[in-house]
Amino acid sequence: MSIEKSGERCGIVRLQAMSRLDLGLLIGRLFTGYWFLSASLIKIFERNYLFSDALLGPLNAFLAGPGPEWYKAFLAHVVIPNLRPFAWLDVAGEFCVGVGLLLGLWTRPSCLVALFLGLNYLAAKGFDNPAAGVDKVFIVLLLILYLGHAGRVLGLDGWRLKRAAGG
């Protein structure tokens, strides 16, 4: 989609010229990006996940919760002994996903990383746990964003693709 602007073509899509599907992908991408970015910033600045054992509390709650036994064993024998590297990976993953989705840059890889994170959060809480409802919604939303190529809608992925195509 493009518009005419003073006799020349402009690659910027106006919201009025956007289809409802594109608008839905844009809103979903921006909402999900904001959620992941804010979650990472809260873990960095309010909960001090990176330089303390703050992640240990939620992990112990997951161990006591209704999650699957194979995931509890993974948490107990792999994650907890390596708490700091996993805290950094979690925060870095959420931060990169948030920035990628907000900018619409590398949207599909960002969605895959977010799906991996969401599936881990879902496994930690347990599929039948009502607290995992948000994780299930995000997994479906991320699949829609991935399949819909959401970065092409007012995102840097769309600009990058047009530029690579010579347009």
Foldseek 3Di string as FASTA:
>chain_A
DWDDDPNDIDPADDPVNDDPLLVVLLVLLLVLLVVLQVVLVCCVPPQVQQPDQSVVVLLVVLLVADADPVLNCCCVPPCVVVPNVVSVVSSVLSNVLSVCSNQLHPNLVSLVSLLVVLVSVCRSRDVPHPVNPVSVVSNVSSVSSNVVSNSLRNHVVVVVVCVVVVD
